[in-house]
Amino acid sequence: MEHQHNPTLADSICDLRSRKIKQTFFTQVNTLLDWTVIESIIKIHYKKGKSATGKPSYSGLLLFKMCLLQTWYGLSDYEVEDRVNDSISFGYFCG
């Protein structure tokens, strides 16, 4: 039988510290990079269309930011999409 771990106060503090570090890092990246220039370069090479189900595709800049997160945190396509939808700091970074 597997023992389920209930988060302690120490776990919560570590989680908050990790989130603060990520948020600081993402804020620094957003300050250093001019996303409008990057987006204009992406738009030359990426034409946004519709998915097979008719839903609008993700913007090229959003996909680029998700690729950065994948590289920085070693995430798969599924994992990065899940984290962007679930994590405040990842969602903030991606806009």
PDB file of N, CA and C in Angstrom:
ATOM      1  N   MET A   1       0.834  -1.169   0.000  1.00  0.00           N
ATOM      2  CA  MET A   1       0.000   0.000   0.000  1.00  0.00           C
ATOM      3  C   MET A   1       0.888   1.244   0.000  1.00  0.00           C
ATOM      4  N   GLU A   2       0.577   2.166  -0.861  1.00  0.00           N
ATOM      5  CA  GLU A   2       1.373   3.378  -0.996  1.00  0.00           C
ATOM      6  C   GLU A   2       0.885   4.433  -0.015  1.00  0.00           C
ATOM      7  N   HIS A   3       1.828   5.077   0.682  1.00  0.00           N
ATOM      8  CA  HIS A   3       1.491   6.122   1.638  1.00  0.00           C
ATOM      9  C   HIS A   3       1.346   7.455   0.907  1.00  0.00           C
ATOM     10  N   GLN A   4       0.234   8.121   1.119  1.00  0.00           N
ATOM     11  CA  GLN A   4      -0.003   9.404   0.475  1.00  0.00           C
ATOM     12  C   GLN A   4       0.611  10.501   1.337  1.00  0.00           C
ATOM     13  N   HIS A   5       1.376  11.389   0.708  1.00  0.00           N
ATOM     14  CA  HIS A   5       2.068  12.460   1.414  1.00  0.00           C
ATOM     15  C   HIS A   5       1.215  13.715   1.412  1.00  0.00           C
ATOM     16  N   ASN A   6       0.879  14.198   2.592  1.00  0.00           N
ATOM     17  CA  ASN A   6       0.172  15.468   2.706  1.00  0.00           C
ATOM     18  C   ASN A   6       1.209  16.583   2.797  1.00  0.00           C
ATOM     19  N   PRO A   7       1.054  17.646   2.008  1.00  0.00           N
ATOM     20  CA  PRO A   7       2.042  18.717   2.041  1.00  0.00           C
ATOM     21  C   PRO A   7       2.129  19.365   3.421  1.00  0.00           C
ATOM     22  N   THR A   8       3.363  19.623   3.840  1.00  0.00           N
ATOM     23  CA  THR A   8       3.604  20.286   5.115  1.00  0.00           C
ATOM     24  C   THR A   8       3.809  21.773   4.868  1.00  0.00           C
ATOM     25  N   LEU A   9       3.922  22.532   5.937  1.00  0.00           N
ATOM     26  CA  LEU A   9       4.208  23.955   5.812  1.00  0.00           C
ATOM     27  C   LEU A   9       5.548  24.164   5.096  1.00  0.00           C
ATOM     28  N   ALA A  10       6.535  23.323   5.412  1.00  0.00           N
ATOM     29  CA  ALA A  10       7.844  23.419   4.769  1.00  0.00           C
ATOM     30  C   ALA A  10       7.729  23.183   3.260  1.00  0.00           C
ATOM     31  N   ASP A  11       6.903  22.208   2.858  1.00  0.00           N
ATOM     32  CA  ASP A  11       6.683  21.952   1.430  1.00  0.00           C
ATOM     33  C   ASP A  11       6.087  23.182   0.756  1.00  0.00           C
ATOM     34  N   SER A  12       5.130  23.815   1.426  1.00  0.00           N
ATOM     35  CA  SER A  12       4.478  24.994   0.865  1.00  0.00           C
ATOM     36  C   SER A  12       5.451  26.147   0.716  1.00  0.00           C
ATOM     37  N   ILE A  13       6.322  26.333   1.700  1.00  0.00           N
ATOM     38  CA  ILE A  13       7.318  27.406   1.637  1.00  0.00           C
ATOM     39  C   ILE A  13       8.287  27.149   0.490  1.00  0.00           C
ATOM     40  N   CYS A  14       8.734  25.908   0.326  1.00  0.00           N
ATOM     41  CA  CYS A  14       9.639  25.567  -0.787  1.00  0.00           C
ATOM     42  C   CYS A  14       8.954  25.806  -2.121  1.00  0.00           C
ATOM     43  N   ASP A  15       7.665  25.462  -2.207  1.00  0.00           N
ATOM     44  CA  ASP A  15       6.909  25.678  -3.434  1.00  0.00           C
ATOM     45  C   ASP A  15       6.811  27.169  -3.745  1.00  0.00           C
ATOM     46  N   LEU A  16       6.522  27.981  -2.731  1.00  0.00           N
ATOM     47  CA  LEU A  16       6.442  29.434  -2.926  1.00  0.00           C
ATOM     48  C   LEU A  16       7.786  30.010  -3.342  1.00  0.00           C
ATOM     49  N   ARG A  17       8.865  29.540  -2.725  1.00  0.00           N
ATOM     50  CA  ARG A  17      10.208  30.015  -3.070  1.00  0.00           C
ATOM     51  C   ARG A  17      10.527  29.669  -4.524  1.00  0.00           C
ATOM     52  N   SER A  18      10.196  28.444  -4.930  1.00  0.00           N
ATOM     53  CA  SER A  18      10.428  28.020  -6.315  1.00  0.00           C
ATOM     54  C   SER A  18       9.617  28.871  -7.277  1.00  0.00           C
ATOM     55  N   ARG A  19       8.358  29.158  -6.930  1.00  0.00           N
ATOM     56  CA  ARG A  19       7.503  29.979  -7.787  1.00  0.00           C
ATOM     57  C   ARG A  19       8.056  31.400  -7.892  1.00  0.00           C
ATOM     58  N   LYS A  20       8.569  31.941  -6.781  1.00  0.00           N
ATOM     59  CA  LYS A  20       9.131  33.294  -6.769  1.00  0.00           C
ATOM     60  C   LYS A  20      10.380  33.354  -7.654  1.00  0.00           C
ATOM     61  N   ILE A  21      11.214  32.326  -7.587  1.00  0.00           N
ATOM     62  CA  ILE A  21      12.423  32.283  -8.416  1.00  0.00           C
ATOM     63  C   ILE A  21      12.036  32.247  -9.889  1.00  0.00           C
ATOM     64  N   LYS A  22      11.056  31.388 -10.245  1.00  0.00           N
ATOM     65  CA  LYS A  22      10.593  31.315 -11.632  1.00  0.00           C
ATOM     66  C   LYS A  22      10.030  32.652 -12.083  1.00  0.00           C
ATOM     67  N   GLN A  23       9.195  33.264 -11.232  1.00  0.00           N
ATOM     68  CA  GLN A  23       8.568  34.529 -11.587  1.00  0.00           C
ATOM     69  C   GLN A  23       9.618  35.610 -11.807  1.00  0.00           C
ATOM     70  N   THR A  24      10.642  35.647 -10.946  1.00  0.00           N
ATOM     71  CA  THR A  24      11.726  36.617 -11.108  1.00  0.00           C
ATOM     72  C   THR A  24      12.461  36.375 -12.415  1.00  0.00           C
ATOM     73  N   PHE A  25      12.759  35.116 -12.700  1.00  0.00           N
ATOM     74  CA  PHE A  25      13.441  34.773 -13.948  1.00  0.00           C
ATOM     75  C   PHE A  25      12.617  35.188 -15.155  1.00  0.00           C
ATOM     76  N   PHE A  26      11.322  34.854 -15.154  1.00  0.00           N
ATOM     77  CA  PHE A  26      10.457  35.194 -16.285  1.00  0.00           C
ATOM     78  C   PHE A  26      10.324  36.709 -16.447  1.00  0.00           C
ATOM     79  N   THR A  27      10.262  37.430 -15.340  1.00  0.00           N
ATOM     80  CA  THR A  27      10.204  38.896 -15.402  1.00  0.00           C
ATOM     81  C   THR A  27      11.480  39.453 -16.025  1.00  0.00           C
ATOM     82  N   GLN A  28      12.620  38.899 -15.648  1.00  0.00           N
ATOM     83  CA  GLN A  28      13.897  39.341 -16.219  1.00  0.00           C
ATOM     84  C   GLN A  28      13.947  39.065 -17.722  1.00  0.00           C
ATOM     85  N   VAL A  29      13.507  37.888 -18.139  1.00  0.00           N
ATOM     86  CA  VAL A  29      13.492  37.551 -19.565  1.00  0.00           C
ATOM     87  C   VAL A  29      12.583  38.517 -20.312  1.00  0.00           C
ATOM     88  N   ASN A  30      11.393  38.781 -19.765  1.00  0.00           N
ATOM     89  CA  ASN A  30      10.457  39.700 -20.415  1.00  0.00           C
ATOM     90  C   ASN A  30      11.007  41.124 -20.479  1.00  0.00           C
ATOM     91  N   THR A  31      11.830  41.502 -19.517  1.00  0.00           N
ATOM     92  CA  THR A  31      12.448  42.827 -19.521  1.00  0.00           C
ATOM     93  C   THR A  31      13.573  42.908 -20.554  1.00  0.00           C
ATOM     94  N   LEU A  32      14.334  41.840 -20.672  1.00  0.00           N
ATOM     95  CA  LEU A  32      15.497  41.845 -21.570  1.00  0.00           C
ATOM     96  C   LEU A  32      15.131  41.673 -23.045  1.00  0.00           C
ATOM     97  N   LEU A  33      14.075  40.935 -23.327  1.00  0.00           N
ATOM     98  CA  LEU A  33      13.735  40.630 -24.716  1.00  0.00           C
ATOM     99  C   LEU A  33      12.605  41.515 -25.229  1.00  0.00           C
ATOM    100  N   ASP A  34      12.745  41.952 -26.456  1.00  0.00           N
ATOM    101  CA  ASP A  34      11.674  42.695 -27.114  1.00  0.00           C
ATOM    102  C   ASP A  34      10.855  41.687 -27.910  1.00  0.00           C
ATOM    103  N   TRP A  35       9.753  41.247 -27.311  1.00  0.00           N
ATOM    104  CA  TRP A  35       8.939  40.203 -27.918  1.00  0.00           C
ATOM    105  C   TRP A  35       8.331  40.650 -29.240  1.00  0.00           C
ATOM    106  N   THR A  36       8.119  41.944 -29.444  1.00  0.00           N
ATOM    107  CA  THR A  36       7.523  42.402 -30.704  1.00  0.00           C
ATOM    108  C   THR A  36       8.467  42.156 -31.875  1.00  0.00           C
ATOM    109  N   VAL A  37       9.766  42.331 -31.657  1.00  0.00           N
ATOM    110  CA  VAL A  37      10.746  42.050 -32.710  1.00  0.00           C
ATOM    111  C   VAL A  37      10.785  40.557 -33.005  1.00  0.00           C
ATOM    112  N   ILE A  38      10.813  39.758 -31.949  1.00  0.00           N
ATOM    113  CA  ILE A  38      10.836  38.304 -32.123  1.00  0.00           C
ATOM    114  C   ILE A  38       9.567  37.843 -32.828  1.00  0.00           C
ATOM    115  N   GLU A  39       8.430  38.400 -32.425  1.00  0.00           N
ATOM    116  CA  GLU A  39       7.158  38.015 -33.047  1.00  0.00           C
ATOM    117  C   GLU A  39       7.120  38.385 -34.524  1.00  0.00           C
ATOM    118  N   SER A  40       7.685  39.515 -34.886  1.00  0.00           N
ATOM    119  CA  SER A  40       7.690  39.908 -36.308  1.00  0.00           C
ATOM    120  C   SER A  40       8.548  38.957 -37.141  1.00  0.00           C
ATOM    121  N   ILE A  41       9.630  38.462 -36.565  1.00  0.00           N
ATOM    122  CA  ILE A  41      10.471  37.483 -37.262  1.00  0.00           C
ATOM    123  C   ILE A  41       9.724  36.158 -37.410  1.00  0.00           C
ATOM    124  N   ILE A  42       9.054  35.742 -36.342  1.00  0.00           N
ATOM    125  CA  ILE A  42       8.301  34.487 -36.380  1.00  0.00           C
ATOM    126  C   ILE A  42       7.196  34.560 -37.430  1.00  0.00           C
ATOM    127  N   LYS A  43       6.502  35.694 -37.504  1.00  0.00           N
ATOM    128  CA  LYS A  43       5.382  35.839 -38.445  1.00  0.00           C
ATOM    129  C   LYS A  43       5.818  35.678 -39.897  1.00  0.00           C
ATOM    130  N   ILE A  44       7.064  35.966 -40.205  1.00  0.00           N
ATOM    131  CA  ILE A  44       7.581  35.777 -41.566  1.00  0.00           C
ATOM    132  C   ILE A  44       7.569  34.298 -41.935  1.00  0.00           C
ATOM    133  N   HIS A  45       7.854  33.449 -40.951  1.00  0.00           N
ATOM    134  CA  HIS A  45       8.046  32.017 -41.219  1.00  0.00           C
ATOM    135  C   HIS A  45       6.897  31.126 -40.752  1.00  0.00           C
ATOM    136  N   TYR A  46       6.002  31.648 -39.929  1.00  0.00           N
ATOM    137  CA  TYR A  46       4.927  30.826 -39.376  1.00  0.00           C
ATOM    138  C   TYR A  46       3.589  31.451 -39.739  1.00  0.00           C
ATOM    139  N   LYS A  47       2.823  30.711 -40.490  1.00  0.00           N
ATOM    140  CA  LYS A  47       1.489  31.163 -40.873  1.00  0.00           C
ATOM    141  C   LYS A  47       0.466  30.437 -40.013  1.00  0.00           C
ATOM    142  N   LYS A  48      -0.226  31.194 -39.190  1.00  0.00           N
ATOM    143  CA  LYS A  48      -1.230  30.637 -38.291  1.00  0.00           C
ATOM    144  C   LYS A  48      -2.456  30.228 -39.095  1.00  0.00           C
ATOM    145  N   GLY A  49      -2.926  29.026 -38.855  1.00  0.00           N
ATOM    146  CA  GLY A  49      -4.098  28.524 -39.554  1.00  0.00           C
ATOM    147  C   GLY A  49      -5.109  27.961 -38.582  1.00  0.00           C
ATOM    148  N   LYS A  50      -5.841  26.990 -39.020  1.00  0.00           N
ATOM    149  CA  LYS A  50      -6.820  26.309 -38.167  1.00  0.00           C
ATOM    150  C   LYS A  50      -6.359  24.872 -37.960  1.00  0.00           C
ATOM    151  N   SER A  51      -6.721  24.325 -36.811  1.00  0.00           N
ATOM    152  CA  SER A  51      -6.397  22.931 -36.550  1.00  0.00           C
ATOM    153  C   SER A  51      -7.377  22.045 -37.318  1.00  0.00           C
ATOM    154  N   ALA A  52      -7.140  20.750 -37.282  1.00  0.00           N
ATOM    155  CA  ALA A  52      -8.003  19.804 -37.990  1.00  0.00           C
ATOM    156  C   ALA A  52      -9.439  19.855 -37.471  1.00  0.00           C
ATOM    157  N   THR A  53      -9.603  20.262 -36.215  1.00  0.00           N
ATOM    158  CA  THR A  53     -10.947  20.347 -35.637  1.00  0.00           C
ATOM    159  C   THR A  53     -11.574  21.725 -35.829  1.00  0.00           C
ATOM    160  N   GLY A  54     -10.869  22.631 -36.516  1.00  0.00           N
ATOM    161  CA  GLY A  54     -11.409  23.947 -36.798  1.00  0.00           C
ATOM    162  C   GLY A  54     -11.118  25.003 -35.748  1.00  0.00           C
ATOM    163  N   LYS A  55     -10.396  24.626 -34.691  1.00  0.00           N
ATOM    164  CA  LYS A  55     -10.047  25.594 -33.654  1.00  0.00           C
ATOM    165  C   LYS A  55      -8.869  26.444 -34.139  1.00  0.00           C
ATOM    166  N   PRO A  56      -8.802  27.703 -33.731  1.00  0.00           N
ATOM    167  CA  PRO A  56      -7.659  28.533 -34.130  1.00  0.00           C
ATOM    168  C   PRO A  56      -6.351  27.957 -33.602  1.00  0.00           C
ATOM    169  N   SER A  57      -5.303  28.070 -34.379  1.00  0.00           N
ATOM    170  CA  SER A  57      -3.985  27.597 -33.952  1.00  0.00           C
ATOM    171  C   SER A  57      -3.394  28.556 -32.929  1.00  0.00           C
ATOM    172  N   TYR A  58      -2.412  28.067 -32.201  1.00  0.00           N
ATOM    173  CA  TYR A  58      -1.677  28.923 -31.273  1.00  0.00           C
ATOM    174  C   TYR A  58      -0.872  29.939 -32.068  1.00  0.00           C
ATOM    175  N   SER A  59      -0.633  31.103 -31.485  1.00  0.00           N
ATOM    176  CA  SER A  59       0.201  32.102 -32.145  1.00  0.00           C
ATOM    177  C   SER A  59       1.644  31.599 -32.181  1.00  0.00           C
ATOM    178  N   GLY A  60       2.397  32.092 -33.132  1.00  0.00           N
ATOM    179  CA  GLY A  60       3.797  31.702 -33.248  1.00  0.00           C
ATOM    180  C   GLY A  60       4.611  32.097 -32.033  1.00  0.00           C
ATOM    181  N   LEU A  61       4.322  33.271 -31.469  1.00  0.00           N
ATOM    182  CA  LEU A  61       5.056  33.720 -30.288  1.00  0.00           C
ATOM    183  C   LEU A  61       4.767  32.814 -29.093  1.00  0.00           C
ATOM    184  N   LEU A  62       3.513  32.425 -28.911  1.00  0.00           N
ATOM    185  CA  LEU A  62       3.169  31.511 -27.821  1.00  0.00           C
ATOM    186  C   LEU A  62       3.915  30.185 -27.988  1.00  0.00           C
ATOM    187  N   LEU A  63       3.938  29.650 -29.197  1.00  0.00           N
ATOM    188  CA  LEU A  63       4.657  28.393 -29.444  1.00  0.00           C
ATOM    189  C   LEU A  63       6.147  28.552 -29.168  1.00  0.00           C
ATOM    190  N   PHE A  64       6.710  29.704 -29.546  1.00  0.00           N
ATOM    191  CA  PHE A  64       8.131  29.968 -29.294  1.00  0.00           C
ATOM    192  C   PHE A  64       8.405  29.992 -27.787  1.00  0.00           C
ATOM    193  N   LYS A  65       7.549  30.681 -27.031  1.00  0.00           N
ATOM    194  CA  LYS A  65       7.731  30.738 -25.580  1.00  0.00           C
ATOM    195  C   LYS A  65       7.585  29.352 -24.959  1.00  0.00           C
ATOM    196  N   MET A  66       6.664  28.557 -25.482  1.00  0.00           N
ATOM    197  CA  MET A  66       6.503  27.196 -24.971  1.00  0.00           C
ATOM    198  C   MET A  66       7.743  26.352 -25.288  1.00  0.00           C
ATOM    199  N   CYS A  67       8.344  26.570 -26.440  1.00  0.00           N
ATOM    200  CA  CYS A  67       9.597  25.865 -26.786  1.00  0.00           C
ATOM    201  C   CYS A  67      10.725  26.270 -25.835  1.00  0.00           C
ATOM    202  N   LEU A  68      10.766  27.555 -25.467  1.00  0.00           N
ATOM    203  CA  LEU A  68      11.766  27.993 -24.490  1.00  0.00           C
ATOM    204  C   LEU A  68      11.564  27.269 -23.162  1.00  0.00           C
ATOM    205  N   LEU A  69      10.322  27.199 -22.707  1.00  0.00           N
ATOM    206  CA  LEU A  69      10.029  26.496 -21.449  1.00  0.00           C
ATOM    207  C   LEU A  69      10.419  25.025 -21.534  1.00  0.00           C
ATOM    208  N   GLN A  70      10.144  24.408 -22.679  1.00  0.00           N
ATOM    209  CA  GLN A  70      10.528  22.996 -22.864  1.00  0.00           C
ATOM    210  C   GLN A  70      12.031  22.832 -22.719  1.00  0.00           C
ATOM    211  N   THR A  71      12.779  23.728 -23.335  1.00  0.00           N
ATOM    212  CA  THR A  71      14.234  23.653 -23.289  1.00  0.00           C
ATOM    213  C   THR A  71      14.762  23.920 -21.888  1.00  0.00           C
ATOM    214  N   TRP A  72      14.281  24.951 -21.250  1.00  0.00           N
ATOM    215  CA  TRP A  72      14.758  25.325 -19.916  1.00  0.00           C
ATOM    216  C   TRP A  72      14.416  24.306 -18.854  1.00  0.00           C
ATOM    217  N   TYR A  73      13.260  23.644 -18.976  1.00  0.00           N
ATOM    218  CA  TYR A  73      12.794  22.738 -17.916  1.00  0.00           C
ATOM    219  C   TYR A  73      12.727  21.272 -18.340  1.00  0.00           C
ATOM    220  N   GLY A  74      13.187  20.945 -19.553  1.00  0.00           N
ATOM    221  CA  GLY A  74      13.230  19.557 -20.011  1.00  0.00           C
ATOM    222  C   GLY A  74      11.859  18.913 -20.095  1.00  0.00           C
ATOM    223  N   LEU A  75      10.890  19.630 -20.666  1.00  0.00           N
ATOM    224  CA  LEU A  75       9.514  19.149 -20.722  1.00  0.00           C
ATOM    225  C   LEU A  75       9.157  18.619 -22.106  1.00  0.00           C
ATOM    226  N   SER A  76       8.251  17.653 -22.150  1.00  0.00           N
ATOM    227  CA  SER A  76       7.715  17.163 -23.418  1.00  0.00           C
ATOM    228  C   SER A  76       6.632  18.131 -23.895  1.00  0.00           C
ATOM    229  N   ASP A  77       6.123  17.918 -25.107  1.00  0.00           N
ATOM    230  CA  ASP A  77       5.036  18.753 -25.627  1.00  0.00           C
ATOM    231  C   ASP A  77       3.835  18.719 -24.674  1.00  0.00           C
ATOM    232  N   TYR A  78       3.455  17.526 -24.275  1.00  0.00           N
ATOM    233  CA  TYR A  78       2.315  17.369 -23.374  1.00  0.00           C
ATOM    234  C   TYR A  78       2.571  18.062 -22.036  1.00  0.00           C
ATOM    235  N   GLU A  79       3.770  17.853 -21.485  1.00  0.00           N
ATOM    236  CA  GLU A  79       4.093  18.419 -20.176  1.00  0.00           C
ATOM    237  C   GLU A  79       4.087  19.943 -20.196  1.00  0.00           C
ATOM    238  N   VAL A  80       4.646  20.540 -21.242  1.00  0.00           N
ATOM    239  CA  VAL A  80       4.693  22.008 -21.283  1.00  0.00           C
ATOM    240  C   VAL A  80       3.292  22.581 -21.426  1.00  0.00           C
ATOM    241  N   GLU A  81       2.451  21.955 -22.218  1.00  0.00           N
ATOM    242  CA  GLU A  81       1.081  22.443 -22.363  1.00  0.00           C
ATOM    243  C   GLU A  81       0.337  22.340 -21.026  1.00  0.00           C
ATOM    244  N   ASP A  82       0.539  21.231 -20.331  1.00  0.00           N
ATOM    245  CA  ASP A  82      -0.089  21.033 -19.030  1.00  0.00           C
ATOM    246  C   ASP A  82       0.401  22.075 -18.031  1.00  0.00           C
ATOM    247  N   ARG A  83       1.698  22.334 -18.002  1.00  0.00           N
ATOM    248  CA  ARG A  83       2.263  23.302 -17.055  1.00  0.00           C
ATOM    249  C   ARG A  83       1.808  24.724 -17.370  1.00  0.00           C
ATOM    250  N   VAL A  84       1.714  25.082 -18.652  1.00  0.00           N
ATOM    251  CA  VAL A  84       1.258  26.423 -19.020  1.00  0.00           C
ATOM    252  C   VAL A  84      -0.185  26.630 -18.555  1.00  0.00           C
ATOM    253  N   ASN A  85      -0.998  25.591 -18.668  1.00  0.00           N
ATOM    254  CA  ASN A  85      -2.392  25.687 -18.236  1.00  0.00           C
ATOM    255  C   ASN A  85      -2.550  25.624 -16.720  1.00  0.00           C
ATOM    256  N   ASP A  86      -1.589  25.049 -16.013  1.00  0.00           N
ATOM    257  CA  ASP A  86      -1.717  24.804 -14.579  1.00  0.00           C
ATOM    258  C   ASP A  86      -0.882  25.741 -13.702  1.00  0.00           C
ATOM    259  N   SER A  87       0.226  26.241 -14.222  1.00  0.00           N
ATOM    260  CA  SER A  87       1.152  27.025 -13.423  1.00  0.00           C
ATOM    261  C   SER A  87       0.948  28.520 -13.664  1.00  0.00           C
ATOM    262  N   ILE A  88       0.796  29.263 -12.590  1.00  0.00           N
ATOM    263  CA  ILE A  88       0.612  30.713 -12.709  1.00  0.00           C
ATOM    264  C   ILE A  88       1.813  31.355 -13.388  1.00  0.00           C
ATOM    265  N   SER A  89       3.016  30.989 -12.975  1.00  0.00           N
ATOM    266  CA  SER A  89       4.216  31.627 -13.538  1.00  0.00           C
ATOM    267  C   SER A  89       4.428  31.246 -15.000  1.00  0.00           C
ATOM    268  N   PHE A  90       4.166  29.991 -15.377  1.00  0.00           N
ATOM    269  CA  PHE A  90       4.306  29.588 -16.777  1.00  0.00           C
ATOM    270  C   PHE A  90       3.245  30.288 -17.630  1.00  0.00           C
ATOM    271  N   GLY A  91       2.018  30.343 -17.116  1.00  0.00           N
ATOM    272  CA  GLY A  91       0.940  31.004 -17.844  1.00  0.00           C
ATOM    273  C   GLY A  91       1.202  32.484 -18.031  1.00  0.00           C
ATOM    274  N   TYR A  92       1.720  33.127 -16.988  1.00  0.00           N
ATOM    275  CA  TYR A  92       2.068  34.543 -17.061  1.00  0.00           C
ATOM    276  C   TYR A  92       3.142  34.773 -18.133  1.00  0.00           C
ATOM    277  N   PHE A  93       4.171  33.926 -18.111  1.00  0.00           N
ATOM    278  CA  PHE A  93       5.265  34.069 -19.088  1.00  0.00           C
ATOM    279  C   PHE A  93       4.755  33.939 -20.506  1.00  0.00           C
ATOM    280  N   CYS A  94       3.857  33.007 -20.740  1.00  0.00           N
ATOM    281  CA  CYS A  94       3.349  32.787 -22.097  1.00  0.00           C
ATOM    282  C   CYS A  94       2.257  33.782 -22.501  1.00  0.00           C
ATOM    283  N   GLY A  95       1.758  34.520 -21.549  1.00  0.00           N
ATOM    284  CA  GLY A  95       0.752  35.535 -21.872  1.00  0.00           C
ATOM    285  C   GLY A  95      -0.636  34.975 -21.906  1.00  0.00           C
TER     286      GLY A  95
END
